[in-house]
Amino acid sequence: MRFKDVFSIIGPAMVGPSSSHTAGAVRIGRVARHVLGELPDEAEIIFYGSFADTYQGHGTDLAIIGGLLDFDTDDYRIPTSISIAEQLGMSIRFRPGKGQFPHPNTAKLVVRVGEREITVVGASIGGGNIEMLSINDFDVKFTAMYPTLVIFHEDRTGMIAEVTRLLSRDHVNIGHMSVDRRGRSGEAITVIDVDGSISDAIILEIEQLSTVREVKKVDLTERSQP
C-alpha cells in the first residue's frame, strides 16, 4: 500500500499506545462488525505474529473489541471495551494462532450472532492503516479507507456488470474491486470500494438482483456515537 500523506505514517487520532497495535486493530474490529451487521453475541479473536506476542501489553485485545463495538480509533471507551462488551452480553475469547500468517500484525475474527457466523482476517500495516485479506475464507483485498460494499452472491455471468451499472447510474465512482469464488457457478464475493457515500437505496437495489444473497456496507468514515 502506498502512503498518501504524513497522516498515513503517524496514524489517526487515537487512543494509544500504538497506531499499528491499537488504531489498526480497532479498524479491523469495525470491519468485522460492519460485515456482520450488528453486535456479536460471541467473538473469537486469533492473533498472529507480533499481535500474538504483545496483544495484552499493547492493548490490541481492547482495540479489537472496541472495533466490534463500532468505536472509532479515538473513542475514550476503548480502555474499558472488554468490560462494556461483556456487560452487553458478548462472549469473548482470545488466543494466539499457529502456522503461517501474511503479515506480522494479523488477526482473525470469528464473530457470531444467533445462527450467523462471519470470519474475517485483517492485517494492521502501519500508521493505523489496515488491509483486509479474507472474509468467510474468500480472498479479498481492501483497506476500508473508503466506503466499501461487500456483496455475497452466486457466480453468474453479468452479475458484476449489473452492479457496476447501478453504481454508475448514481454517479458512484469505483476505486477498487476484488472478486473471489468457490468455483464456477458457485458461491462468490465481490468487494467494491467507492469514492463518496453509498445510499441505502442502491444497496437495496443490489440486494434485489436475482443471484445476490446479501450486501453489507463497510464505512469507517461514519463515526460512531458515544
C-alpha atoms as a PDB file:
ATOM      1  CA  MET A   1       0.000   0.000   0.000  1.00  0.00           C
ATOM      2  CA  ARG A   2       1.352   3.451  -0.898  1.00  0.00           C
ATOM      3  CA  PHE A   3       1.201   6.027   1.902  1.00  0.00           C
ATOM      4  CA  LYS A   4      -0.537   9.132   0.570  1.00  0.00           C
ATOM      5  CA  ASP A   5       0.412  11.686   3.244  1.00  0.00           C
ATOM      6  CA  VAL A   6       2.137  12.118   6.605  1.00  0.00           C
ATOM      7  CA  PHE A   7      -1.043  11.071   8.454  1.00  0.00           C
ATOM      8  CA  SER A   8      -0.788   7.653   6.760  1.00  0.00           C
ATOM      9  CA  ILE A   9       2.502   7.194   8.633  1.00  0.00           C
ATOM     10  CA  ILE A  10       1.886   8.746  12.067  1.00  0.00           C
ATOM     11  CA  GLY A  11      -1.645   7.395  12.263  1.00  0.00           C
ATOM     12  CA  PRO A  12      -5.083   8.822  13.025  1.00  0.00           C
ATOM     13  CA  ALA A  13      -6.381  10.458  16.176  1.00  0.00           C
ATOM     14  CA  MET A  14      -6.422   7.522  18.540  1.00  0.00           C
ATOM     15  CA  VAL A  15      -6.288   6.039  21.992  1.00  0.00           C
ATOM     16  CA  GLY A  16      -2.694   4.733  22.217  1.00  0.00           C
ATOM     17  CA  PRO A  17      -0.196   3.357  22.640  1.00  0.00           C
ATOM     18  CA  SER A  18       0.414   2.214  19.054  1.00  0.00           C
ATOM     19  CA  SER A  19      -1.063   3.041  15.676  1.00  0.00           C
ATOM     20  CA  SER A  20      -0.324  -0.493  14.468  1.00  0.00           C
ATOM     21  CA  HIS A  21      -1.365  -2.392  17.579  1.00  0.00           C
ATOM     22  CA  THR A  22      -4.344  -0.277  18.619  1.00  0.00           C
ATOM     23  CA  ALA A  23      -5.655   2.032  15.877  1.00  0.00           C
ATOM     24  CA  GLY A  24      -5.253  -0.603  13.156  1.00  0.00           C
ATOM     25  CA  ALA A  25      -6.781  -3.233  15.417  1.00  0.00           C
ATOM     26  CA  VAL A  26      -9.811  -1.016  16.097  1.00  0.00           C
ATOM     27  CA  ARG A  27     -10.377  -0.711  12.358  1.00  0.00           C
ATOM     28  CA  ILE A  28     -10.119  -4.461  11.807  1.00  0.00           C
ATOM     29  CA  GLY A  29     -12.704  -4.968  14.527  1.00  0.00           C
ATOM     30  CA  ARG A  30     -15.008  -2.343  12.988  1.00  0.00           C
ATOM     31  CA  VAL A  31     -14.807  -4.060   9.593  1.00  0.00           C
ATOM     32  CA  ALA A  32     -15.907  -7.336  11.186  1.00  0.00           C
ATOM     33  CA  ARG A  33     -18.757  -5.510  12.946  1.00  0.00           C
ATOM     34  CA  HIS A  34     -19.946  -3.895   9.707  1.00  0.00           C
ATOM     35  CA  VAL A  35     -19.761  -7.160   7.735  1.00  0.00           C
ATOM     36  CA  LEU A  36     -21.741  -8.950  10.459  1.00  0.00           C
ATOM     37  CA  GLY A  37     -24.138  -6.007  10.566  1.00  0.00           C
ATOM     38  CA  GLU A  38     -24.765  -5.966  14.315  1.00  0.00           C
ATOM     39  CA  LEU A  39     -23.207  -6.526  17.721  1.00  0.00           C
ATOM     40  CA  PRO A  40     -21.893 -10.097  18.022  1.00  0.00           C
ATOM     41  CA  ASP A  41     -23.090 -12.492  20.684  1.00  0.00           C
ATOM     42  CA  GLU A  42     -19.736 -14.268  20.535  1.00  0.00           C
ATOM     43  CA  ALA A  43     -16.296 -13.240  19.351  1.00  0.00           C
ATOM     44  CA  GLU A  44     -13.227 -15.428  18.990  1.00  0.00           C
ATOM     45  CA  ILE A  45     -10.070 -13.490  18.138  1.00  0.00           C
ATOM     46  CA  ILE A  46      -6.927 -15.269  16.986  1.00  0.00           C
ATOM     47  CA  PHE A  47      -3.724 -13.189  16.949  1.00  0.00           C
ATOM     48  CA  TYR A  48      -0.698 -13.953  14.787  1.00  0.00           C
ATOM     49  CA  GLY A  49       2.888 -12.719  14.767  1.00  0.00           C
ATOM     50  CA  SER A  50       3.679  -9.711  16.946  1.00  0.00           C
ATOM     51  CA  PHE A  51      -0.031  -9.337  17.709  1.00  0.00           C
ATOM     52  CA  ALA A  52       0.121 -12.742  19.416  1.00  0.00           C
ATOM     53  CA  ASP A  53       3.224 -11.784  21.402  1.00  0.00           C
ATOM     54  CA  THR A  54       2.128  -8.361  22.635  1.00  0.00           C
ATOM     55  CA  TYR A  55      -1.659  -8.029  22.331  1.00  0.00           C
ATOM     56  CA  GLN A  56      -2.276  -7.607  26.066  1.00  0.00           C
ATOM     57  CA  GLY A  57       0.580  -5.193  26.719  1.00  0.00           C
ATOM     58  CA  HIS A  58      -0.255  -3.023  23.713  1.00  0.00           C
ATOM     59  CA  GLY A  59      -4.000  -3.075  24.215  1.00  0.00           C
ATOM     60  CA  THR A  60      -4.718  -4.885  20.942  1.00  0.00           C
ATOM     61  CA  ASP A  61      -7.337  -7.010  22.696  1.00  0.00           C
ATOM     62  CA  LEU A  62      -9.118  -3.878  23.938  1.00  0.00           C
ATOM     63  CA  ALA A  63      -8.821  -2.290  20.491  1.00  0.00           C
ATOM     64  CA  ILE A  64     -10.305  -5.251  18.605  1.00  0.00           C
ATOM     65  CA  ILE A  65     -13.281  -5.402  20.962  1.00  0.00           C
ATOM     66  CA  GLY A  66     -13.671  -1.635  20.726  1.00  0.00           C
ATOM     67  CA  GLY A  67     -13.927  -2.058  16.975  1.00  0.00           C
ATOM     68  CA  LEU A  68     -16.560  -4.769  17.371  1.00  0.00           C
ATOM     69  CA  LEU A  69     -18.494  -2.254  19.471  1.00  0.00           C
ATOM     70  CA  ASP A  70     -18.120   0.142  16.495  1.00  0.00           C
ATOM     71  CA  PHE A  71     -15.942   2.567  18.468  1.00  0.00           C
ATOM     72  CA  ASP A  72     -13.711   4.872  16.439  1.00  0.00           C
ATOM     73  CA  THR A  73      -9.933   4.931  16.959  1.00  0.00           C
ATOM     74  CA  ASP A  74     -10.061   7.884  19.387  1.00  0.00           C
ATOM     75  CA  ASP A  75     -13.056   6.731  21.436  1.00  0.00           C
ATOM     76  CA  TYR A  76     -12.388   7.235  25.156  1.00  0.00           C
ATOM     77  CA  ARG A  77     -14.242   3.985  25.942  1.00  0.00           C
ATOM     78  CA  ILE A  78     -11.628   1.730  24.274  1.00  0.00           C
ATOM     79  CA  PRO A  79      -9.686   1.052  27.524  1.00  0.00           C
ATOM     80  CA  THR A  80     -12.882  -0.404  29.036  1.00  0.00           C
ATOM     81  CA  SER A  81     -14.210  -2.035  25.859  1.00  0.00           C
ATOM     82  CA  ILE A  82     -13.993  -5.624  27.093  1.00  0.00           C
ATOM     83  CA  SER A  83     -15.953  -4.779  30.207  1.00  0.00           C
ATOM     84  CA  ILE A  84     -18.553  -2.915  28.126  1.00  0.00           C
ATOM     85  CA  ALA A  85     -18.874  -5.804  25.664  1.00  0.00           C
ATOM     86  CA  GLU A  86     -19.321  -8.360  28.433  1.00  0.00           C
ATOM     87  CA  GLN A  87     -21.965  -6.176  30.074  1.00  0.00           C
ATOM     88  CA  LEU A  88     -23.789  -6.195  26.727  1.00  0.00           C
ATOM     89  CA  GLY A  89     -23.699  -9.993  26.736  1.00  0.00           C
ATOM     90  CA  MET A  90     -20.805 -10.659  24.357  1.00  0.00           C
ATOM     91  CA  SER A  91     -18.803 -13.824  24.995  1.00  0.00           C
ATOM     92  CA  ILE A  92     -15.127 -13.174  24.175  1.00  0.00           C
ATOM     93  CA  ARG A  93     -12.181 -15.486  23.646  1.00  0.00           C
ATOM     94  CA  PHE A  94      -8.602 -14.556  22.690  1.00  0.00           C
ATOM     95  CA  ARG A  95      -5.880 -16.961  21.652  1.00  0.00           C
ATOM     96  CA  PRO A  96      -2.592 -16.950  19.738  1.00  0.00           C
ATOM     97  CA  GLY A  97      -2.606 -18.547  16.318  1.00  0.00           C
ATOM     98  CA  LYS A  98      -0.113 -21.008  14.881  1.00  0.00           C
ATOM     99  CA  GLY A  99       1.295 -21.502  11.441  1.00  0.00           C
ATOM    100  CA  GLN A 100       1.940 -19.079   8.646  1.00  0.00           C
ATOM    101  CA  PHE A 101       0.441 -15.610   8.607  1.00  0.00           C
ATOM    102  CA  PRO A 102       0.538 -12.988   5.840  1.00  0.00           C
ATOM    103  CA  HIS A 103       1.756 -10.064   7.992  1.00  0.00           C
ATOM    104  CA  PRO A 104       3.335  -9.741  11.473  1.00  0.00           C
ATOM    105  CA  ASN A 105       0.260  -7.883  12.766  1.00  0.00           C
ATOM    106  CA  THR A 106      -2.556 -10.183  11.658  1.00  0.00           C
ATOM    107  CA  ALA A 107      -5.819 -11.018  13.393  1.00  0.00           C
ATOM    108  CA  LYS A 108      -8.570 -13.479  12.558  1.00  0.00           C
ATOM    109  CA  LEU A 109     -12.003 -12.724  13.979  1.00  0.00           C
ATOM    110  CA  VAL A 110     -14.816 -15.253  14.150  1.00  0.00           C
ATOM    111  CA  VAL A 111     -17.967 -13.408  15.190  1.00  0.00           C
ATOM    112  CA  ARG A 112     -21.408 -14.869  15.703  1.00  0.00           C
ATOM    113  CA  VAL A 113     -24.920 -13.644  16.348  1.00  0.00           C
ATOM    114  CA  GLY A 114     -27.687 -16.219  16.540  1.00  0.00           C
ATOM    115  CA  GLU A 115     -27.119 -18.690  13.713  1.00  0.00           C
ATOM    116  CA  ARG A 116     -24.973 -16.304  11.673  1.00  0.00           C
ATOM    117  CA  GLU A 117     -21.193 -16.504  11.662  1.00  0.00           C
ATOM    118  CA  ILE A 118     -18.688 -14.280   9.868  1.00  0.00           C
ATOM    119  CA  THR A 119     -14.932 -14.858   9.716  1.00  0.00           C
ATOM    120  CA  VAL A 120     -12.592 -12.042   8.705  1.00  0.00           C
ATOM    121  CA  VAL A 121      -8.810 -11.804   8.527  1.00  0.00           C
ATOM    122  CA  GLY A 122      -7.064  -8.456   8.516  1.00  0.00           C
ATOM    123  CA  ALA A 123      -3.575  -7.044   8.947  1.00  0.00           C
ATOM    124  CA  SER A 124      -2.515  -3.773  10.552  1.00  0.00           C
ATOM    125  CA  ILE A 125       0.159  -2.500   8.172  1.00  0.00           C
ATOM    126  CA  GLY A 126       1.314   0.678   9.927  1.00  0.00           C
ATOM    127  CA  GLY A 127       0.098   4.157  10.707  1.00  0.00           C
ATOM    128  CA  GLY A 128      -3.331   2.854  11.664  1.00  0.00           C
ATOM    129  CA  ASN A 129      -3.841   1.522   8.141  1.00  0.00           C
ATOM    130  CA  ILE A 130      -5.213  -1.953   7.530  1.00  0.00           C
ATOM    131  CA  GLU A 131      -5.553  -4.444   4.734  1.00  0.00           C
ATOM    132  CA  MET A 132      -8.392  -6.920   4.859  1.00  0.00           C
ATOM    133  CA  LEU A 133      -7.311 -10.285   3.494  1.00  0.00           C
ATOM    134  CA  SER A 134     -10.207 -12.701   3.853  1.00  0.00           C
ATOM    135  CA  ILE A 135     -13.938 -12.860   4.514  1.00  0.00           C
ATOM    136  CA  ASN A 136     -15.508 -16.288   5.112  1.00  0.00           C
ATOM    137  CA  ASP A 137     -12.428 -17.899   3.523  1.00  0.00           C
ATOM    138  CA  PHE A 138     -12.808 -15.845   0.349  1.00  0.00           C
ATOM    139  CA  ASP A 139      -9.669 -13.952  -0.629  1.00  0.00           C
ATOM    140  CA  VAL A 140     -10.333 -10.214  -0.612  1.00  0.00           C
ATOM    141  CA  LYS A 141      -8.209  -7.081  -0.678  1.00  0.00           C
ATOM    142  CA  PHE A 142      -9.426  -3.750   0.636  1.00  0.00           C
ATOM    143  CA  THR A 143      -8.237  -1.078   3.051  1.00  0.00           C
ATOM    144  CA  ALA A 144     -11.562   0.246   4.419  1.00  0.00           C
ATOM    145  CA  MET A 145     -10.221   3.755   3.827  1.00  0.00           C
ATOM    146  CA  TYR A 146     -13.255   4.381   1.638  1.00  0.00           C
ATOM    147  CA  PRO A 147     -16.885   3.270   1.813  1.00  0.00           C
ATOM    148  CA  THR A 148     -16.941  -0.365   0.721  1.00  0.00           C
ATOM    149  CA  LEU A 149     -19.628  -2.775  -0.463  1.00  0.00           C
ATOM    150  CA  VAL A 150     -19.287  -6.452   0.432  1.00  0.00           C
ATOM    151  CA  ILE A 151     -21.590  -8.480  -1.825  1.00  0.00           C
ATOM    152  CA  PHE A 152     -22.226 -12.197  -1.241  1.00  0.00           C
ATOM    153  CA  HIS A 153     -23.664 -13.750  -4.394  1.00  0.00           C
ATOM    154  CA  GLU A 154     -23.694 -16.653  -6.808  1.00  0.00           C
ATOM    155  CA  ASP A 155     -21.150 -16.681  -9.595  1.00  0.00           C
ATOM    156  CA  ARG A 156     -23.159 -15.751 -12.678  1.00  0.00           C
ATOM    157  CA  THR A 157     -22.368 -14.106 -15.998  1.00  0.00           C
ATOM    158  CA  GLY A 158     -23.267 -10.424 -15.990  1.00  0.00           C
ATOM    159  CA  MET A 159     -23.792 -10.035 -12.234  1.00  0.00           C
ATOM    160  CA  ILE A 160     -20.865  -7.667 -11.724  1.00  0.00           C
ATOM    161  CA  ALA A 161     -21.916  -5.673 -14.785  1.00  0.00           C
ATOM    162  CA  GLU A 162     -25.362  -5.192 -13.250  1.00  0.00           C
ATOM    163  CA  VAL A 163     -23.853  -3.932 -10.005  1.00  0.00           C
ATOM    164  CA  THR A 164     -21.479  -1.521 -11.730  1.00  0.00           C
ATOM    165  CA  ARG A 165     -24.353  -0.251 -13.902  1.00  0.00           C
ATOM    166  CA  LEU A 166     -26.362   0.629 -10.794  1.00  0.00           C
ATOM    167  CA  LEU A 167     -23.385   2.414  -9.254  1.00  0.00           C
ATOM    168  CA  SER A 168     -22.626   4.290 -12.469  1.00  0.00           C
ATOM    169  CA  ARG A 169     -26.240   5.370 -12.837  1.00  0.00           C
ATOM    170  CA  ASP A 170     -26.000   7.053  -9.421  1.00  0.00           C
ATOM    171  CA  HIS A 171     -22.616   8.606 -10.268  1.00  0.00           C
ATOM    172  CA  VAL A 172     -20.756   6.442  -7.750  1.00  0.00           C
ATOM    173  CA  ASN A 173     -17.133   6.041  -8.848  1.00  0.00           C
ATOM    174  CA  ILE A 174     -15.427   2.694  -8.179  1.00  0.00           C
ATOM    175  CA  GLY A 175     -11.944   2.961  -6.708  1.00  0.00           C
ATOM    176  CA  HIS A 176     -11.072  -0.731  -6.382  1.00  0.00           C
ATOM    177  CA  MET A 177     -12.747  -4.091  -6.779  1.00  0.00           C
ATOM    178  CA  SER A 178     -11.839  -7.631  -5.739  1.00  0.00           C
ATOM    179  CA  VAL A 179     -13.714 -10.808  -6.638  1.00  0.00           C
ATOM    180  CA  ASP A 180     -13.334 -14.406  -5.470  1.00  0.00           C
ATOM    181  CA  ARG A 181     -15.443 -17.534  -5.914  1.00  0.00           C
ATOM    182  CA  ARG A 182     -15.549 -21.092  -4.645  1.00  0.00           C
ATOM    183  CA  GLY A 183     -15.920 -22.454  -8.138  1.00  0.00           C
ATOM    184  CA  ARG A 184     -17.619 -21.837 -11.449  1.00  0.00           C
ATOM    185  CA  SER A 185     -21.314 -21.057 -10.819  1.00  0.00           C
ATOM    186  CA  GLY A 186     -20.744 -21.445  -7.081  1.00  0.00           C
ATOM    187  CA  GLU A 187     -20.677 -19.027  -4.162  1.00  0.00           C
ATOM    188  CA  ALA A 188     -18.776 -15.794  -4.739  1.00  0.00           C
ATOM    189  CA  ILE A 189     -17.921 -12.494  -3.130  1.00  0.00           C
ATOM    190  CA  THR A 190     -17.369  -9.087  -4.677  1.00  0.00           C
ATOM    191  CA  VAL A 191     -15.848  -6.230  -2.689  1.00  0.00           C
ATOM    192  CA  ILE A 192     -16.056  -2.717  -4.132  1.00  0.00           C
ATOM    193  CA  ASP A 193     -14.650   0.434  -2.578  1.00  0.00           C
ATOM    194  CA  VAL A 194     -16.002   3.703  -3.909  1.00  0.00           C
ATOM    195  CA  ASP A 195     -15.439   7.435  -3.833  1.00  0.00           C
ATOM    196  CA  GLY A 196     -18.247   9.044  -1.872  1.00  0.00           C
ATOM    197  CA  SER A 197     -21.236   7.728   0.003  1.00  0.00           C
ATOM    198  CA  ILE A 198     -23.330   4.650  -0.750  1.00  0.00           C
ATOM    199  CA  SER A 199     -27.050   5.193  -0.350  1.00  0.00           C
ATOM    200  CA  ASP A 200     -29.359   2.657   1.254  1.00  0.00           C
ATOM    201  CA  ALA A 201     -31.427   2.778  -1.941  1.00  0.00           C
ATOM    202  CA  ILE A 202     -28.523   1.474  -4.042  1.00  0.00           C
ATOM    203  CA  ILE A 203     -27.841  -1.272  -1.518  1.00  0.00           C
ATOM    204  CA  LEU A 204     -31.497  -2.319  -1.680  1.00  0.00           C
ATOM    205  CA  GLU A 205     -31.411  -2.457  -5.488  1.00  0.00           C
ATOM    206  CA  ILE A 206     -28.274  -4.603  -5.439  1.00  0.00           C
ATOM    207  CA  GLU A 207     -29.834  -6.930  -2.865  1.00  0.00           C
ATOM    208  CA  GLN A 208     -32.783  -7.427  -5.204  1.00  0.00           C
ATOM    209  CA  LEU A 209     -30.606  -8.812  -8.014  1.00  0.00           C
ATOM    210  CA  SER A 210     -31.527 -12.439  -8.539  1.00  0.00           C
ATOM    211  CA  THR A 211     -28.209 -14.046  -7.542  1.00  0.00           C
ATOM    212  CA  VAL A 212     -27.285 -11.738  -4.650  1.00  0.00           C
ATOM    213  CA  ARG A 213     -27.656 -13.257  -1.186  1.00  0.00           C
ATOM    214  CA  GLU A 214     -26.550 -10.371   0.999  1.00  0.00           C
ATOM    215  CA  VAL A 215     -24.978  -6.927   0.792  1.00  0.00           C
ATOM    216  CA  LYS A 216     -23.085  -5.226   3.618  1.00  0.00           C
ATOM    217  CA  LYS A 217     -21.655  -1.723   3.734  1.00  0.00           C
ATOM    218  CA  VAL A 218     -18.339  -1.151   5.477  1.00  0.00           C
ATOM    219  CA  ASP A 219     -17.971   2.552   6.122  1.00  0.00           C
ATOM    220  CA  LEU A 220     -15.380   3.549   8.714  1.00  0.00           C
ATOM    221  CA  THR A 221     -15.747   7.189   7.668  1.00  0.00           C
ATOM    222  CA  GLU A 222     -19.016   7.228   9.634  1.00  0.00           C
ATOM    223  CA  ARG A 223     -18.200   7.990  13.248  1.00  0.00           C
ATOM    224  CA  SER A 224     -19.982   6.019  15.934  1.00  0.00           C
ATOM    225  CA  GLN A 225     -21.763   7.914  18.679  1.00  0.00           C
ATOM    226  CA  PRO A 226     -20.504   7.737  22.296  1.00  0.00           C
END
